[in-house]
Amino acid sequence: MNMKVVVGLLGLLSAIAFCTVLHLASGVFIPLVIAWFILQVLRPVNQIGKKLKLSPWLNITLVFTTLAILGIIGFRFCTSQVIEFVNVYSAYSEKLSEAFNSLMTALSVPPETLENFDWMDILKNNVRNISELIVNLSSKFVLTIVFLMFMLLEAPYLDEKIKKAFSGPHASRVRRILDTISNQVSRYLGTLTLISLATGVLAWLVLTILDVKLAAGWGVLTVLLNFIPTVGSIIATIPPVVMAIIQFSPGFFKPLIVLVCLTAIQVSIGNVIMPKVMGDRLGVSPVMILLSLLLWGMIWGIPGALLSTPIISIIKIVCESIDSLRPIAVLIGSGEAAKLAPLPPVRPRRPHSRGDEAETEADPVSQK
């Protein structure tokens, strides 16, 4: 069998095995990767601590204080939104039941099918599922904080460890790769945050003007879901539209306006501007961003979908730094990046026999 085919099959099997390990050990890998991304988000705070010449423990305290303040703000907002949601549900539960019954009647569903249907039971089950999800995320959050603390402790010694682990030019090359990855990811997160905030603010303004309940909550949900490329922007449109239908039923004029406005915002920013801007920012093809979203969403679920774009960017940076993998980086890259990325020169193969020598002489690429 051709050795290239064997190597290709072995590479495919290795990739499948690697993805399987990542999926099975997601309880460890997800907190580790999230801790590294939190470190990149809080990188400016860490740089301020270094400029102030704080000791490692004081620098860690500064970073964790910033993280705690952001967490408290988020918790207080979530609490206020939960209270408002309970009040809204109490006020519109009858309308919700009427709208559901009307929909089932329009679909010709027999009335006896709906006799045992209770929205409160469904809500209780969902609350129980959400509670289990929160407990699961809390356990992962504790592990994430532990990883983050050790990463902060290890950061001051990273350069020295690289110098001792690799010889001269290799050490500078590894350092350059790591710096490129950190800068790319930081710029990506900053740009994505600005785009998501702009989308959330526009959605909040539209919903506030149209007097839709939970407008602030839907705006924050829009910001969070926009971190999932393309798909998140579509999902973010559904809850406020459903809320508008329930709130303004039996009229459909305002819900239609909400649908049109939110769709226009999400299509223009989420599905046109965001993939193009993020693709140019990272030098990654929008098609590869979507494929990475599907792959990492299958491996790690929602966290994988959130981290899919930075991961494909890191893969591209690593491939660019290794000559044998540079064609993969060109395929992953955007069109502009492909024009600027030179391929390594084709080196002529040294002939080992007369047949090989004849083949080399007949090959015009090798002659060059």
Protein backbone atom coordinates (compact mmCIF):
# COMPACT_ATOMS: atom_id res chain seq x y z
CA MET A 1 0.00 0.00 0.00
CA ASN A 2 1.18 3.53 -0.75
CA MET A 3 2.88 5.08 2.31
CA LYS A 4 1.07 8.37 1.78
CA VAL A 5 -2.26 6.58 2.09
CA VAL A 6 -1.08 4.83 5.24
CA VAL A 7 0.13 8.09 6.77
CA GLY A 8 -3.17 9.76 5.84
CA LEU A 9 -5.24 7.00 7.44
CA LEU A 10 -3.08 7.07 10.57
CA GLY A 11 -3.51 10.84 10.75
CA LEU A 12 -7.29 10.51 10.41
CA LEU A 13 -7.46 7.83 13.11
CA SER A 14 -5.26 9.93 15.38
CA ALA A 15 -7.53 12.95 14.91
CA ILE A 16 -10.63 10.87 15.71
CA ALA A 17 -8.94 9.42 18.80
CA PHE A 18 -7.84 12.88 19.91
CA CYS A 19 -11.37 14.32 19.54
CA THR A 20 -12.78 11.33 21.45
CA VAL A 21 -10.38 11.94 24.33
CA LEU A 22 -11.30 15.63 24.38
CA HIS A 23 -14.99 14.71 24.52
CA LEU A 24 -14.63 12.07 27.23
CA ALA A 25 -12.36 14.26 29.36
CA SER A 26 -14.33 17.46 28.78
CA GLY A 27 -14.78 17.90 32.54
CA VAL A 28 -11.05 18.66 32.79
CA PHE A 29 -10.24 20.19 29.41
CA ILE A 30 -13.12 22.70 29.32
CA PRO A 31 -12.17 24.41 32.64
CA LEU A 32 -8.51 24.43 31.55
CA VAL A 33 -9.27 26.09 28.21
CA ILE A 34 -11.77 28.54 29.74
CA ALA A 35 -9.18 29.50 32.39
CA TRP A 36 -6.69 30.30 29.64
CA PHE A 37 -9.25 32.44 27.79
CA ILE A 38 -10.18 34.27 31.02
CA LEU A 39 -6.47 34.95 31.43
CA GLN A 40 -6.44 36.53 27.96
CA VAL A 41 -9.54 38.61 28.73
CA LEU A 42 -7.96 39.89 31.97
CA ARG A 43 -4.60 40.38 30.30
CA PRO A 44 -4.79 44.22 30.56
CA VAL A 45 -5.35 43.92 34.32
CA ASN A 46 -2.37 41.59 34.58
CA GLN A 47 -0.24 44.03 32.57
CA ILE A 48 -1.23 46.88 34.93
CA GLY A 49 -0.04 44.79 37.87
CA LYS A 50 3.30 44.18 36.15
CA LYS A 51 3.75 47.89 35.40
CA LEU A 52 3.06 48.66 39.07
CA LYS A 53 5.70 46.00 39.92
CA LEU A 54 3.32 44.13 42.20
CA SER A 55 4.37 40.83 43.69
CA PRO A 56 2.87 37.69 42.07
CA TRP A 57 0.34 37.24 44.87
CA LEU A 58 -0.75 40.89 44.77
CA ASN A 59 -1.10 40.63 41.01
CA ILE A 60 -3.27 37.52 41.42
CA THR A 61 -5.34 39.39 44.02
CA LEU A 62 -5.87 42.27 41.59
CA VAL A 63 -6.98 39.90 38.81
CA PHE A 64 -9.35 37.94 41.05
CA THR A 65 -10.79 41.15 42.54
CA THR A 66 -11.65 42.35 39.03
CA LEU A 67 -13.17 38.97 38.23
CA ALA A 68 -15.18 39.02 41.48
CA ILE A 69 -16.56 42.51 40.76
CA LEU A 70 -17.68 41.43 37.30
CA GLY A 71 -19.24 38.28 38.80
CA ILE A 72 -21.16 40.25 41.45
CA ILE A 73 -22.52 42.63 38.81
CA GLY A 74 -23.62 39.70 36.66
CA PHE A 75 -25.21 37.89 39.62
CA ARG A 76 -27.20 40.95 40.70
CA PHE A 77 -28.44 41.48 37.15
CA CYS A 78 -29.47 37.82 36.80
CA THR A 79 -31.33 37.98 40.14
CA SER A 80 -33.28 41.07 39.07
CA GLN A 81 -34.16 39.43 35.75
CA VAL A 82 -35.38 36.25 37.46
CA ILE A 83 -37.67 38.30 39.72
CA GLU A 84 -38.99 40.24 36.72
CA PHE A 85 -39.51 37.00 34.81
CA VAL A 86 -41.62 35.57 37.64
CA ASN A 87 -43.77 38.70 37.67
CA VAL A 88 -44.16 38.61 33.88
CA TYR A 89 -45.09 34.93 33.94
CA SER A 90 -47.73 35.53 36.60
CA ALA A 91 -49.24 38.33 34.52
CA TYR A 92 -49.19 36.56 31.15
CA SER A 93 -49.64 32.87 32.04
CA GLU A 94 -53.30 32.93 30.94
CA LYS A 95 -52.39 34.57 27.63
CA LEU A 96 -49.70 31.94 27.13
CA SER A 97 -52.22 29.14 27.64
CA GLU A 98 -54.73 30.80 25.30
CA ALA A 99 -52.11 31.31 22.59
CA PHE A 100 -50.98 27.69 22.92
CA ASN A 101 -54.55 26.36 22.73
CA SER A 102 -55.23 28.51 19.68
CA LEU A 103 -52.12 27.16 18.00
CA MET A 104 -53.09 23.56 18.76
CA THR A 105 -56.60 24.17 17.43
CA ALA A 106 -55.20 25.67 14.24
CA LEU A 107 -53.03 22.55 13.85
CA SER A 108 -56.13 20.33 14.34
CA VAL A 109 -54.75 18.69 17.51
CA PRO A 110 -57.56 16.82 19.42
CA PRO A 111 -58.66 18.63 22.64
CA GLU A 112 -58.22 15.50 24.78
CA THR A 113 -54.49 15.61 24.01
CA LEU A 114 -54.23 18.90 25.90
CA GLU A 115 -56.18 17.86 29.01
CA ASN A 116 -53.07 16.85 30.99
CA PHE A 117 -50.91 19.64 29.62
CA ASP A 118 -49.74 21.98 32.40
CA TRP A 119 -47.35 24.89 31.81
CA MET A 120 -46.43 24.98 35.51
CA ASP A 121 -45.21 21.37 35.44
CA ILE A 122 -43.11 22.11 32.37
CA LEU A 123 -41.70 25.21 34.08
CA LYS A 124 -40.84 23.20 37.22
CA ASN A 125 -39.06 20.55 35.16
CA ASN A 126 -37.10 23.19 33.29
CA VAL A 127 -36.19 24.94 36.53
CA ARG A 128 -34.94 21.60 37.88
CA ASN A 129 -32.87 21.03 34.75
CA ILE A 130 -31.51 24.55 34.94
CA SER A 131 -30.62 24.00 38.61
CA GLU A 132 -28.68 20.84 37.72
CA LEU A 133 -26.92 22.74 34.94
CA ILE A 134 -25.98 25.54 37.37
CA VAL A 135 -24.58 23.01 39.87
CA ASN A 136 -22.56 21.36 37.08
CA LEU A 137 -21.24 24.70 35.86
CA SER A 138 -20.41 25.72 39.43
CA SER A 139 -18.21 22.67 39.91
CA LYS A 140 -16.44 23.43 36.63
CA PHE A 141 -16.15 27.08 37.65
CA VAL A 142 -14.26 26.12 40.82
CA LEU A 143 -11.83 24.03 38.76
CA THR A 144 -11.50 26.92 36.29
CA ILE A 145 -10.55 29.30 39.11
CA VAL A 146 -7.91 26.82 40.36
CA PHE A 147 -6.41 26.54 36.86
CA LEU A 148 -6.47 30.33 36.48
CA MET A 149 -4.61 30.84 39.75
CA PHE A 150 -1.85 28.40 38.80
CA MET A 151 -1.55 29.97 35.34
CA LEU A 152 -1.05 33.38 36.93
CA LEU A 153 1.59 31.95 39.26
CA GLU A 154 3.37 30.27 36.35
CA ALA A 155 3.28 33.28 33.99
CA PRO A 156 6.38 35.15 35.37
CA TYR A 157 8.58 32.09 34.80
CA LEU A 158 7.33 31.16 31.32
CA ASP A 159 10.09 32.96 29.37
CA GLU A 160 12.84 31.41 31.45
CA LYS A 161 11.35 27.92 31.09
CA ILE A 162 11.14 28.31 27.31
CA LYS A 163 14.79 29.41 27.12
CA LYS A 164 15.92 26.37 29.10
CA ALA A 165 13.63 23.93 27.30
CA PHE A 166 14.63 24.95 23.75
CA SER A 167 17.89 25.95 22.12
CA GLY A 168 18.50 29.54 20.94
CA PRO A 169 16.51 30.01 17.67
CA HIS A 170 13.89 27.46 18.67
CA ALA A 171 13.23 29.27 21.96
CA SER A 172 12.61 32.59 20.19
CA ARG A 173 10.38 30.83 17.68
CA VAL A 174 8.25 29.24 20.41
CA ARG A 175 8.06 32.56 22.22
CA ARG A 176 6.96 34.27 19.00
CA ILE A 177 4.24 31.67 18.41
CA LEU A 178 2.89 32.08 21.95
CA ASP A 179 2.93 35.87 21.70
CA THR A 180 1.12 35.74 18.35
CA ILE A 181 -1.54 33.43 19.77
CA SER A 182 -2.09 35.68 22.81
CA ASN A 183 -2.30 38.85 20.70
CA GLN A 184 -4.65 37.28 18.14
CA VAL A 185 -6.99 35.87 20.79
CA SER A 186 -7.01 39.14 22.76
CA ARG A 187 -7.84 41.15 19.63
CA TYR A 188 -10.50 38.62 18.67
CA LEU A 189 -12.18 38.77 22.08
CA GLY A 190 -12.04 42.56 22.12
CA THR A 191 -13.54 42.92 18.65
CA LEU A 192 -16.19 40.27 19.29
CA THR A 193 -17.16 41.92 22.58
CA LEU A 194 -17.63 45.30 20.88
CA ILE A 195 -19.75 43.76 18.10
CA SER A 196 -21.85 41.78 20.58
CA LEU A 197 -22.37 44.84 22.80
CA ALA A 198 -23.47 46.89 19.78
CA THR A 199 -25.94 44.15 18.79
CA GLY A 200 -27.29 43.85 22.34
CA VAL A 201 -27.70 47.61 22.75
CA LEU A 202 -29.58 47.91 19.44
CA ALA A 203 -31.84 44.99 20.39
CA TRP A 204 -32.49 46.54 23.83
CA LEU A 205 -33.35 49.91 22.27
CA VAL A 206 -35.81 48.34 19.81
CA LEU A 207 -37.49 46.26 22.52
CA THR A 208 -37.65 49.22 24.93
CA ILE A 209 -39.20 51.51 22.30
CA LEU A 210 -41.78 48.82 21.47
CA ASP A 211 -42.44 48.28 25.23
CA VAL A 212 -41.57 44.55 25.21
CA LYS A 213 -41.17 43.05 28.67
CA LEU A 214 -37.72 41.87 29.87
CA ALA A 215 -36.03 44.10 27.28
CA ALA A 216 -32.79 44.33 29.30
CA GLY A 217 -32.68 40.57 29.76
CA TRP A 218 -33.19 39.92 26.05
CA GLY A 219 -30.45 42.45 25.28
CA VAL A 220 -27.96 40.67 27.55
CA LEU A 221 -29.01 37.30 26.10
CA THR A 222 -28.32 38.72 22.64
CA VAL A 223 -24.82 39.78 23.75
CA LEU A 224 -24.05 36.32 25.14
CA LEU A 225 -25.44 34.36 22.19
CA ASN A 226 -23.53 36.52 19.71
CA PHE A 227 -20.34 34.90 20.99
CA ILE A 228 -21.55 31.82 19.10
CA PRO A 229 -20.83 32.63 15.42
CA THR A 230 -23.86 32.93 13.10
CA VAL A 231 -26.09 30.40 14.91
CA GLY A 232 -26.22 32.39 18.16
CA SER A 233 -27.52 35.51 16.42
CA ILE A 234 -30.43 33.50 14.98
CA ILE A 235 -31.32 31.88 18.31
CA ALA A 236 -31.21 35.26 20.09
CA THR A 237 -34.12 36.52 17.96
CA ILE A 238 -36.62 33.84 19.05
CA PRO A 239 -37.30 34.59 22.79
CA PRO A 240 -38.14 38.32 22.46
CA VAL A 241 -40.39 37.61 19.47
CA VAL A 242 -42.27 34.94 21.47
CA MET A 243 -42.55 37.40 24.38
CA ALA A 244 -43.98 40.05 22.05
CA ILE A 245 -46.53 37.57 20.63
CA ILE A 246 -47.71 36.63 24.12
CA GLN A 247 -47.70 40.22 25.38
CA PHE A 248 -49.53 41.85 22.47
CA SER A 249 -51.86 39.01 21.43
CA PRO A 250 -54.32 38.86 19.72
CA GLY A 251 -52.65 41.67 17.75
CA PHE A 252 -49.73 40.78 15.51
CA PHE A 253 -48.55 44.23 14.36
CA LYS A 254 -46.00 44.86 17.14
CA PRO A 255 -44.68 41.28 17.17
CA LEU A 256 -44.15 41.58 13.42
CA ILE A 257 -42.23 44.83 13.89
CA VAL A 258 -40.12 43.18 16.61
CA LEU A 259 -39.36 40.26 14.30
CA VAL A 260 -38.43 42.50 11.36
CA CYS A 261 -36.24 44.84 13.44
CA LEU A 262 -34.38 42.11 15.34
CA THR A 263 -33.89 40.09 12.17
CA ALA A 264 -32.49 43.15 10.39
CA ILE A 265 -30.08 43.79 13.28
CA GLN A 266 -28.95 40.18 13.51
CA VAL A 267 -28.61 39.66 9.76
CA SER A 268 -26.66 42.88 9.20
CA ILE A 269 -24.38 42.56 12.24
CA GLY A 270 -24.46 38.88 13.19
CA ASN A 271 -24.48 37.19 9.80
CA VAL A 272 -22.75 39.74 7.55
CA ILE A 273 -20.51 42.11 9.50
CA MET A 274 -19.38 39.70 12.23
CA PRO A 275 -18.12 36.79 10.06
CA LYS A 276 -16.42 39.21 7.69
CA VAL A 277 -14.80 41.34 10.41
CA MET A 278 -13.77 38.35 12.50
CA GLY A 279 -12.50 36.51 9.44
CA ASP A 280 -10.34 39.45 8.40
CA ARG A 281 -9.23 40.09 11.97
CA LEU A 282 -8.02 36.53 12.45
CA GLY A 283 -7.20 35.79 8.83
CA VAL A 284 -9.54 32.79 8.96
CA SER A 285 -12.04 31.82 6.25
CA PRO A 286 -15.71 32.26 7.30
CA VAL A 287 -16.37 28.73 6.00
CA MET A 288 -13.68 27.33 8.33
CA ILE A 289 -15.21 29.31 11.21
CA LEU A 290 -18.56 27.58 10.61
CA LEU A 291 -16.93 24.15 10.29
CA SER A 292 -15.00 24.76 13.51
CA LEU A 293 -18.27 25.77 15.19
CA LEU A 294 -19.89 22.47 14.19
CA LEU A 295 -16.88 20.34 15.18
CA TRP A 296 -16.22 21.86 18.59
CA GLY A 297 -19.93 22.12 19.29
CA MET A 298 -20.13 18.34 18.83
CA ILE A 299 -17.09 17.75 21.07
CA TRP A 300 -17.75 20.19 23.94
CA GLY A 301 -21.31 21.43 23.41
CA ILE A 302 -22.01 25.11 24.13
CA PRO A 303 -18.51 25.85 25.56
CA GLY A 304 -17.01 24.35 22.42
CA ALA A 305 -19.22 26.51 20.23
CA LEU A 306 -18.13 29.61 22.15
CA LEU A 307 -14.44 28.72 21.86
CA SER A 308 -14.53 27.40 18.28
CA THR A 309 -13.30 30.54 16.51
CA PRO A 310 -10.28 31.20 18.79
CA ILE A 311 -9.32 27.52 18.55
CA ILE A 312 -9.28 27.52 14.73
CA SER A 313 -7.23 30.73 14.87
CA ILE A 314 -4.68 29.07 17.17
CA ILE A 315 -4.46 26.07 14.85
CA LYS A 316 -3.80 28.42 11.92
CA ILE A 317 -1.04 30.26 13.79
CA VAL A 318 0.71 27.01 14.72
CA CYS A 319 0.46 25.70 11.14
CA GLU A 320 1.92 28.96 9.79
CA SER A 321 4.98 28.50 11.98
CA ILE A 322 5.76 24.98 10.72
CA ASP A 323 6.88 24.72 7.10
CA SER A 324 5.37 21.29 6.49
CA LEU A 325 1.97 22.45 7.82
CA ARG A 326 1.89 25.84 6.08
CA PRO A 327 -0.40 24.62 3.25
CA ILE A 328 -3.00 23.81 5.91
CA ALA A 329 -2.70 27.36 7.25
CA VAL A 330 -3.31 28.73 3.74
CA LEU A 331 -6.45 26.57 3.37
CA ILE A 332 -7.74 27.71 6.76
CA GLY A 333 -6.97 31.36 6.05
CA SER A 334 -9.15 33.92 4.33
CA GLY A 335 -8.67 34.95 0.73
CA GLU A 336 -6.50 37.97 1.58
CA ALA A 337 -4.35 35.87 3.91
CA ALA A 338 -3.86 33.25 1.17
CA LYS A 339 -2.51 35.94 -1.20
CA LEU A 340 0.06 37.05 1.35
CA ALA A 341 1.16 33.65 2.70
CA PRO A 342 4.02 32.22 0.62
CA LEU A 343 4.34 28.49 0.45
CA PRO A 344 7.67 26.89 1.32
CA PRO A 345 9.82 26.24 -1.75
CA VAL A 346 9.70 22.79 -3.27
CA ARG A 347 13.02 21.11 -2.64
CA PRO A 348 14.32 18.71 -5.29
CA ARG A 349 14.43 15.12 -4.19
CA ARG A 350 17.85 13.51 -4.22
CA PRO A 351 17.77 10.51 -6.56
CA HIS A 352 18.73 7.16 -5.10
CA SER A 353 18.55 5.08 -8.27
CA ARG A 354 18.60 5.50 -11.98
CA GLY A 355 14.80 5.26 -12.10
CA ASP A 356 14.47 7.99 -9.48
CA GLU A 357 17.04 10.11 -11.30
CA ALA A 358 15.11 9.82 -14.53
CA GLU A 359 11.87 10.71 -12.78
CA THR A 360 13.51 13.76 -11.17
CA GLU A 361 14.86 14.98 -14.50
CA ALA A 362 11.44 14.58 -16.08
CA ASP A 363 9.73 16.55 -13.31
CA PRO A 364 9.78 20.29 -14.18
CA VAL A 365 8.89 21.30 -10.60
CA SER A 366 11.88 19.40 -9.22
CA GLN A 367 14.15 20.95 -11.85
CA LYS A 368 13.15 24.38 -10.55
